[in-house]
C-alpha cells in the first residue's frame, strides 16, 4: 500500500466512523502487540498517526504526499 493509499484509507475511515476509527485502531494495536505481532501493529500505528494528522488538519488526505 502506498502512502497516498494509506492516507485515503484513513480519511475514509475518519469520515465514515469518526472517533470509533481511533478506538478500533488503538485496540487493534494493543491486541497485536499482546500477541507479539509487532510488524502488524506497526502498520496500525502508522494508520493511527495518519488519522491523528487528518483530525488535527495537519494534512489534506487527498493532496499529493511528499515523503522525506
PDB file of N, CA and C in Angstrom:
ATOM      1  N   UNK A   1       0.849  -1.165   0.000  1.00  0.00           N
ATOM      2  CA  UNK A   1       0.000   0.000   0.000  1.00  0.00           C
ATOM      3  C   UNK A   1       0.898   1.232   0.000  1.00  0.00           C
ATOM      4  N   UNK A   2       0.591   2.153  -0.878  1.00  0.00           N
ATOM      5  CA  UNK A   2       1.370   3.394  -0.946  1.00  0.00           C
ATOM      6  C   UNK A   2       0.953   4.341   0.184  1.00  0.00           C
ATOM      7  N   UNK A   3       1.763   5.366   0.400  1.00  0.00           N
ATOM      8  CA  UNK A   3       1.443   6.372   1.415  1.00  0.00           C
ATOM      9  C   UNK A   3       0.139   7.087   1.078  1.00  0.00           C
ATOM     10  N   UNK A   4      -0.063   7.368  -0.202  1.00  0.00           N
ATOM     11  CA  UNK A   4      -1.307   8.038  -0.614  1.00  0.00           C
ATOM     12  C   UNK A   4      -2.522   7.140  -0.364  1.00  0.00           C
ATOM     13  N   UNK A   5      -2.385   5.858  -0.652  1.00  0.00           N
ATOM     14  CA  UNK A   5      -3.498   4.929  -0.407  1.00  0.00           C
ATOM     15  C   UNK A   5      -3.799   4.823   1.083  1.00  0.00           C
ATOM     16  N   UNK A   6      -2.763   4.779   1.906  1.00  0.00           N
ATOM     17  CA  UNK A   6      -2.962   4.718   3.352  1.00  0.00           C
ATOM     18  C   UNK A   6      -3.647   5.984   3.859  1.00  0.00           C
ATOM     19  N   UNK A   7      -3.258   7.108   3.314  1.00  0.00           N
ATOM     20  CA  UNK A   7      -3.853   8.378   3.713  1.00  0.00           C
ATOM     21  C   UNK A   7      -5.331   8.435   3.328  1.00  0.00           C
ATOM     22  N   UNK A   8      -5.642   7.978   2.157  1.00  0.00           N
ATOM     23  CA  UNK A   8      -7.046   7.971   1.719  1.00  0.00           C
ATOM     24  C   UNK A   8      -7.881   6.972   2.530  1.00  0.00           C
ATOM     25  N   UNK A   9      -7.291   5.838   2.856  1.00  0.00           N
ATOM     26  CA  UNK A   9      -7.986   4.870   3.703  1.00  0.00           C
ATOM     27  C   UNK A   9      -8.294   5.497   5.054  1.00  0.00           C
ATOM     28  N   UNK A  10      -7.306   6.149   5.650  1.00  0.00           N
ATOM     29  CA  UNK A  10      -7.515   6.814   6.936  1.00  0.00           C
ATOM     30  C   UNK A  10      -8.595   7.884   6.823  1.00  0.00           C
ATOM     31  N   UNK A  11      -8.584   8.640   5.733  1.00  0.00           N
ATOM     32  CA  UNK A  11      -9.593   9.686   5.540  1.00  0.00           C
ATOM     33  C   UNK A  11     -10.993   9.084   5.459  1.00  0.00           C
ATOM     34  N   UNK A  12     -11.118   7.999   4.716  1.00  0.00           N
ATOM     35  CA  UNK A  12     -12.425   7.356   4.579  1.00  0.00           C
ATOM     36  C   UNK A  12     -12.895   6.774   5.912  1.00  0.00           C
ATOM     37  N   UNK A  13     -11.981   6.169   6.660  1.00  0.00           N
ATOM     38  CA  UNK A  13     -12.345   5.655   7.984  1.00  0.00           C
ATOM     39  C   UNK A  13     -12.777   6.787   8.905  1.00  0.00           C
ATOM     40  N   UNK A  14     -12.041   7.893   8.855  1.00  0.00           N
ATOM     41  CA  UNK A  14     -12.376   9.043   9.689  1.00  0.00           C
ATOM     42  C   UNK A  14     -13.737   9.627   9.318  1.00  0.00           C
ATOM     43  N   UNK A  15     -13.990   9.762   8.021  1.00  0.00           N
ATOM     44  CA  UNK A  15     -15.269  10.319   7.573  1.00  0.00           C
ATOM     45  C   UNK A  15     -16.440   9.404   7.923  1.00  0.00           C
ATOM     46  N   UNK A  16     -16.238   8.111   7.768  1.00  0.00           N
ATOM     47  CA  UNK A  16     -17.327   7.151   7.984  1.00  0.00           C
ATOM     48  C   UNK A  16     -17.569   6.853   9.464  1.00  0.00           C
ATOM     49  N   UNK A  17     -16.475   6.742  10.240  1.00  0.00           N
ATOM     50  CA  UNK A  17     -16.611   6.244  11.611  1.00  0.00           C
ATOM     51  C   UNK A  17     -16.168   7.216  12.688  1.00  0.00           C
ATOM     52  N   UNK A  18     -15.518   8.315  12.311  1.00  0.00           N
ATOM     53  CA  UNK A  18     -15.102   9.318  13.284  1.00  0.00           C
ATOM     54  C   UNK A  18     -14.262   8.741  14.412  1.00  0.00           C
ATOM     55  N   UNK A  19     -14.609   9.084  15.632  1.00  0.00           N
ATOM     56  CA  UNK A  19     -13.850   8.671  16.821  1.00  0.00           C
ATOM     57  C   UNK A  19     -13.760   7.153  16.948  1.00  0.00           C
ATOM     58  N   UNK A  20     -14.733   6.434  16.449  1.00  0.00           N
ATOM     59  CA  UNK A  20     -14.697   4.968  16.525  1.00  0.00           C
ATOM     60  C   UNK A  20     -13.491   4.395  15.786  1.00  0.00           C
ATOM     61  N   UNK A  21     -13.063   5.040  14.711  1.00  0.00           N
ATOM     62  CA  UNK A  21     -11.883   4.576  13.967  1.00  0.00           C
ATOM     63  C   UNK A  21     -10.637   4.656  14.841  1.00  0.00           C
ATOM     64  N   UNK A  22     -10.531   5.703  15.649  1.00  0.00           N
ATOM     65  CA  UNK A  22      -9.394   5.841  16.561  1.00  0.00           C
ATOM     66  C   UNK A  22      -9.421   4.752  17.627  1.00  0.00           C
ATOM     67  N   UNK A  23     -10.596   4.498  18.168  1.00  0.00           N
ATOM     68  CA  UNK A  23     -10.742   3.490  19.212  1.00  0.00           C
ATOM     69  C   UNK A  23     -10.378   2.114  18.679  1.00  0.00           C
ATOM     70  N   UNK A  24     -10.868   1.796  17.497  1.00  0.00           N
ATOM     71  CA  UNK A  24     -10.560   0.487  16.889  1.00  0.00           C
ATOM     72  C   UNK A  24      -9.062   0.370  16.623  1.00  0.00           C
ATOM     73  N   UNK A  25      -8.452   1.416  16.097  1.00  0.00           N
ATOM     74  CA  UNK A  25      -7.016   1.373  15.816  1.00  0.00           C
ATOM     75  C   UNK A  25      -6.219   1.147  17.100  1.00  0.00           C
ATOM     76  N   UNK A  26      -6.547   1.859  18.153  1.00  0.00           N
ATOM     77  CA  UNK A  26      -5.825   1.712  19.423  1.00  0.00           C
ATOM     78  C   UNK A  26      -6.013   0.312  20.010  1.00  0.00           C
ATOM     79  N   UNK A  27      -7.222  -0.211  19.963  1.00  0.00           N
ATOM     80  CA  UNK A  27      -7.475  -1.570  20.465  1.00  0.00           C
ATOM     81  C   UNK A  27      -6.741  -2.614  19.632  1.00  0.00           C
ATOM     82  N   UNK A  28      -6.727  -2.404  18.328  1.00  0.00           N
ATOM     83  CA  UNK A  28      -6.048  -3.341  17.438  1.00  0.00           C
ATOM     84  C   UNK A  28      -4.553  -3.347  17.711  1.00  0.00           C
ATOM     85  N   UNK A  29      -3.971  -2.180  17.899  1.00  0.00           N
ATOM     86  CA  UNK A  29      -2.545  -2.086  18.211  1.00  0.00           C
ATOM     87  C   UNK A  29      -2.237  -2.847  19.495  1.00  0.00           C
ATOM     88  N   UNK A  30      -3.020  -2.597  20.526  1.00  0.00           N
ATOM     89  CA  UNK A  30      -2.791  -3.272  21.814  1.00  0.00           C
ATOM     90  C   UNK A  30      -2.915  -4.784  21.670  1.00  0.00           C
ATOM     91  N   UNK A  31      -3.925  -5.227  20.950  1.00  0.00           N
ATOM     92  CA  UNK A  31      -4.143  -6.659  20.756  1.00  0.00           C
ATOM     93  C   UNK A  31      -2.994  -7.305  19.984  1.00  0.00           C
ATOM     94  N   UNK A  32      -2.567  -6.649  18.915  1.00  0.00           N
ATOM     95  CA  UNK A  32      -1.473  -7.202  18.103  1.00  0.00           C
ATOM     96  C   UNK A  32      -0.163  -7.232  18.883  1.00  0.00           C
ATOM     97  N   UNK A  33       0.100  -6.203  19.671  1.00  0.00           N
ATOM     98  CA  UNK A  33       1.310  -6.191  20.489  1.00  0.00           C
ATOM     99  C   UNK A  33       1.277  -7.303  21.526  1.00  0.00           C
ATOM    100  N   UNK A  34       0.114  -7.517  22.109  1.00  0.00           N
ATOM    101  CA  UNK A  34      -0.058  -8.579  23.098  1.00  0.00           C
ATOM    102  C   UNK A  34       0.209  -9.955  22.490  1.00  0.00           C
ATOM    103  N   UNK A  35      -0.153 -10.096  21.219  1.00  0.00           N
ATOM    104  CA  UNK A  35       0.047 -11.363  20.508  1.00  0.00           C
ATOM    105  C   UNK A  35       1.467 -11.495  19.950  1.00  0.00           C
ATOM    106  N   UNK A  36       2.269 -10.447  20.101  1.00  0.00           N
ATOM    107  CA  UNK A  36       3.626 -10.473  19.585  1.00  0.00           C
ATOM    108  C   UNK A  36       3.724 -10.176  18.098  1.00  0.00           C
ATOM    109  N   UNK A  37       2.686  -9.601  17.526  1.00  0.00           N
ATOM    110  CA  UNK A  37       2.649  -9.266  16.093  1.00  0.00           C
ATOM    111  C   UNK A  37       3.080  -7.814  15.905  1.00  0.00           C
ATOM    112  N   UNK A  38       4.338  -7.548  16.213  1.00  0.00           N
ATOM    113  CA  UNK A  38       4.835  -6.173  16.201  1.00  0.00           C
ATOM    114  C   UNK A  38       4.800  -5.538  14.816  1.00  0.00           C
ATOM    115  N   UNK A  39       5.082  -6.311  13.786  1.00  0.00           N
ATOM    116  CA  UNK A  39       5.082  -5.755  12.425  1.00  0.00           C
ATOM    117  C   UNK A  39       3.680  -5.313  12.024  1.00  0.00           C
ATOM    118  N   UNK A  40       2.690  -6.127  12.319  1.00  0.00           N
ATOM    119  CA  UNK A  40       1.306  -5.758  12.009  1.00  0.00           C
ATOM    120  C   UNK A  40       0.856  -4.571  12.858  1.00  0.00           C
ATOM    121  N   UNK A  41       1.290  -4.534  14.114  1.00  0.00           N
ATOM    122  CA  UNK A  41       0.945  -3.410  14.987  1.00  0.00           C
ATOM    123  C   UNK A  41       1.544  -2.112  14.443  1.00  0.00           C
ATOM    124  N   UNK A  42       2.724  -2.196  13.839  1.00  0.00           N
ATOM    125  CA  UNK A  42       3.359  -1.010  13.258  1.00  0.00           C
ATOM    126  C   UNK A  42       2.523  -0.406  12.143  1.00  0.00           C
ATOM    127  N   UNK A  43       1.906  -1.259  11.349  1.00  0.00           N
ATOM    128  CA  UNK A  43       1.039  -0.770  10.270  1.00  0.00           C
ATOM    129  C   UNK A  43      -0.144  -0.010  10.865  1.00  0.00           C
ATOM    130  N   UNK A  44      -0.720  -0.547  11.915  1.00  0.00           N
ATOM    131  CA  UNK A  44      -1.840   0.126  12.562  1.00  0.00           C
ATOM    132  C   UNK A  44      -1.407   1.413  13.258  1.00  0.00           C
ATOM    133  N   UNK A  45      -0.174   1.430  13.818  1.00  0.00           N
ATOM    134  CA  UNK A  45       0.332   2.669  14.423  1.00  0.00           C
ATOM    135  C   UNK A  45       0.478   3.752  13.365  1.00  0.00           C
ATOM    136  N   UNK A  46       0.952   3.378  12.195  1.00  0.00           N
ATOM    137  CA  UNK A  46       1.077   4.350  11.102  1.00  0.00           C
ATOM    138  C   UNK A  46      -0.298   4.883  10.698  1.00  0.00           C
ATOM    139  N   UNK A  47      -1.273   3.989  10.597  1.00  0.00           N
ATOM    140  CA  UNK A  47      -2.635   4.404  10.254  1.00  0.00           C
ATOM    141  C   UNK A  47      -3.195   5.347  11.318  1.00  0.00           C
ATOM    142  N   UNK A  48      -2.937   5.033  12.581  1.00  0.00           N
ATOM    143  CA  UNK A  48      -3.402   5.892  13.671  1.00  0.00           C
ATOM    144  C   UNK A  48      -2.737   7.271  13.602  1.00  0.00           C
ATOM    145  N   UNK A  49      -1.460   7.309  13.255  1.00  0.00           N
ATOM    146  CA  UNK A  49      -0.768   8.596  13.122  1.00  0.00           C
ATOM    147  C   UNK A  49      -1.388   9.427  12.010  1.00  0.00           C
ATOM    148  N   UNK A  50      -1.746   8.779  10.918  1.00  0.00           N
ATOM    149  CA  UNK A  50      -2.391   9.495   9.808  1.00  0.00           C
ATOM    150  C   UNK A  50      -3.771   9.983  10.244  1.00  0.00           C
ATOM    151  N   UNK A  51      -4.513   9.142  10.951  1.00  0.00           N
ATOM    152  CA  UNK A  51      -5.820   9.562  11.470  1.00  0.00           C
ATOM    153  C   UNK A  51      -5.668  10.803  12.353  1.00  0.00           C
ATOM    154  N   UNK A  52      -4.658  10.798  13.221  1.00  0.00           N
ATOM    155  CA  UNK A  52      -4.410  11.951  14.095  1.00  0.00           C
ATOM    156  C   UNK A  52      -4.109  13.203  13.278  1.00  0.00           C
ATOM    157  N   UNK A  53      -3.270  13.056  12.259  1.00  0.00           N
ATOM    158  CA  UNK A  53      -2.924  14.211  11.419  1.00  0.00           C
ATOM    159  C   UNK A  53      -4.138  14.749  10.671  1.00  0.00           C
ATOM    160  N   UNK A  54      -4.986  13.876  10.195  1.00  0.00           N
ATOM    161  CA  UNK A  54      -6.196  14.303   9.495  1.00  0.00           C
ATOM    162  C   UNK A  54      -7.132  15.035  10.458  1.00  0.00           C
ATOM    163  N   UNK A  55      -7.334  14.458  11.635  1.00  0.00           N
ATOM    164  CA  UNK A  55      -8.233  15.063  12.619  1.00  0.00           C
ATOM    165  C   UNK A  55      -7.738  16.441  13.062  1.00  0.00           C
ATOM    166  N   UNK A  56      -6.412  16.592  13.165  1.00  0.00           N
ATOM    167  CA  UNK A  56      -5.831  17.871  13.578  1.00  0.00           C
ATOM    168  C   UNK A  56      -5.653  18.827  12.402  1.00  0.00           C
ATOM    169  N   UNK A  57      -6.052  18.370  11.216  1.00  0.00           N
ATOM    170  CA  UNK A  57      -5.959  19.165   9.987  1.00  0.00           C
ATOM    171  C   UNK A  57      -4.516  19.560   9.649  1.00  0.00           C
ATOM    172  N   UNK A  58      -3.573  18.668  10.009  1.00  0.00           N
ATOM    173  CA  UNK A  58      -2.168  18.890   9.657  1.00  0.00           C
ATOM    174  C   UNK A  58      -1.877  18.437   8.233  1.00  0.00           C
ATOM    175  N   UNK A  59      -2.742  17.560   7.705  1.00  0.00           N
ATOM    176  CA  UNK A  59      -2.575  17.119   6.324  1.00  0.00           C
ATOM    177  C   UNK A  59      -3.922  17.115   5.623  1.00  0.00           C
ATOM    178  N   UNK A  60      -3.871  17.272   4.320  1.00  0.00           N
ATOM    179  CA  UNK A  60      -5.028  17.113   3.466  1.00  0.00           C
ATOM    180  C   UNK A  60      -4.932  15.704   2.890  1.00  0.00           C
ATOM    181  N   UNK A  61      -5.825  14.816   3.282  1.00  0.00           N
ATOM    182  CA  UNK A  61      -5.690  13.414   2.885  1.00  0.00           C
ATOM    183  C   UNK A  61      -5.832  13.171   1.380  1.00  0.00           C
ATOM    184  N   UNK A  62      -6.309  14.160   0.650  1.00  0.00           N
ATOM    185  CA  UNK A  62      -6.496  13.977  -0.794  1.00  0.00           C
ATOM    186  C   UNK A  62      -5.449  14.710  -1.629  1.00  0.00           C
ATOM    187  N   UNK A  63      -4.479  15.348  -0.949  1.00  0.00           N
ATOM    188  CA  UNK A  63      -3.398  16.036  -1.653  1.00  0.00           C
ATOM    189  C   UNK A  63      -2.265  15.047  -1.921  1.00  0.00           C
ATOM    190  N   UNK A  64      -1.385  15.410  -2.837  1.00  0.00           N
ATOM    191  CA  UNK A  64      -0.189  14.610  -3.096  1.00  0.00           C
ATOM    192  C   UNK A  64       0.669  14.600  -1.843  1.00  0.00           C
ATOM    193  N   UNK A  65       1.269  13.466  -1.554  1.00  0.00           N
ATOM    194  CA  UNK A  65       2.095  13.324  -0.374  1.00  0.00           C
ATOM    195  C   UNK A  65       3.555  13.280  -0.773  1.00  0.00           C
ATOM    196  N   UNK A  66       4.356  14.061  -0.064  1.00  0.00           N
ATOM    197  CA  UNK A  66       5.814  14.043  -0.280  1.00  0.00           C
ATOM    198  C   UNK A  66       6.446  13.400   0.944  1.00  0.00           C
ATOM    199  N   UNK A  67       7.112  12.284   0.742  1.00  0.00           N
ATOM    200  CA  UNK A  67       7.815  11.622   1.845  1.00  0.00           C
ATOM    201  C   UNK A  67       9.277  12.028   1.804  1.00  0.00           C
ATOM    202  N   UNK A  68       9.823  12.340   2.979  1.00  0.00           N
ATOM    203  CA  UNK A  68      11.227  12.775   3.052  1.00  0.00           C
ATOM    204  C   UNK A  68      12.037  11.769   3.822  1.00  0.00           C
TER     205      UNK A  68
END
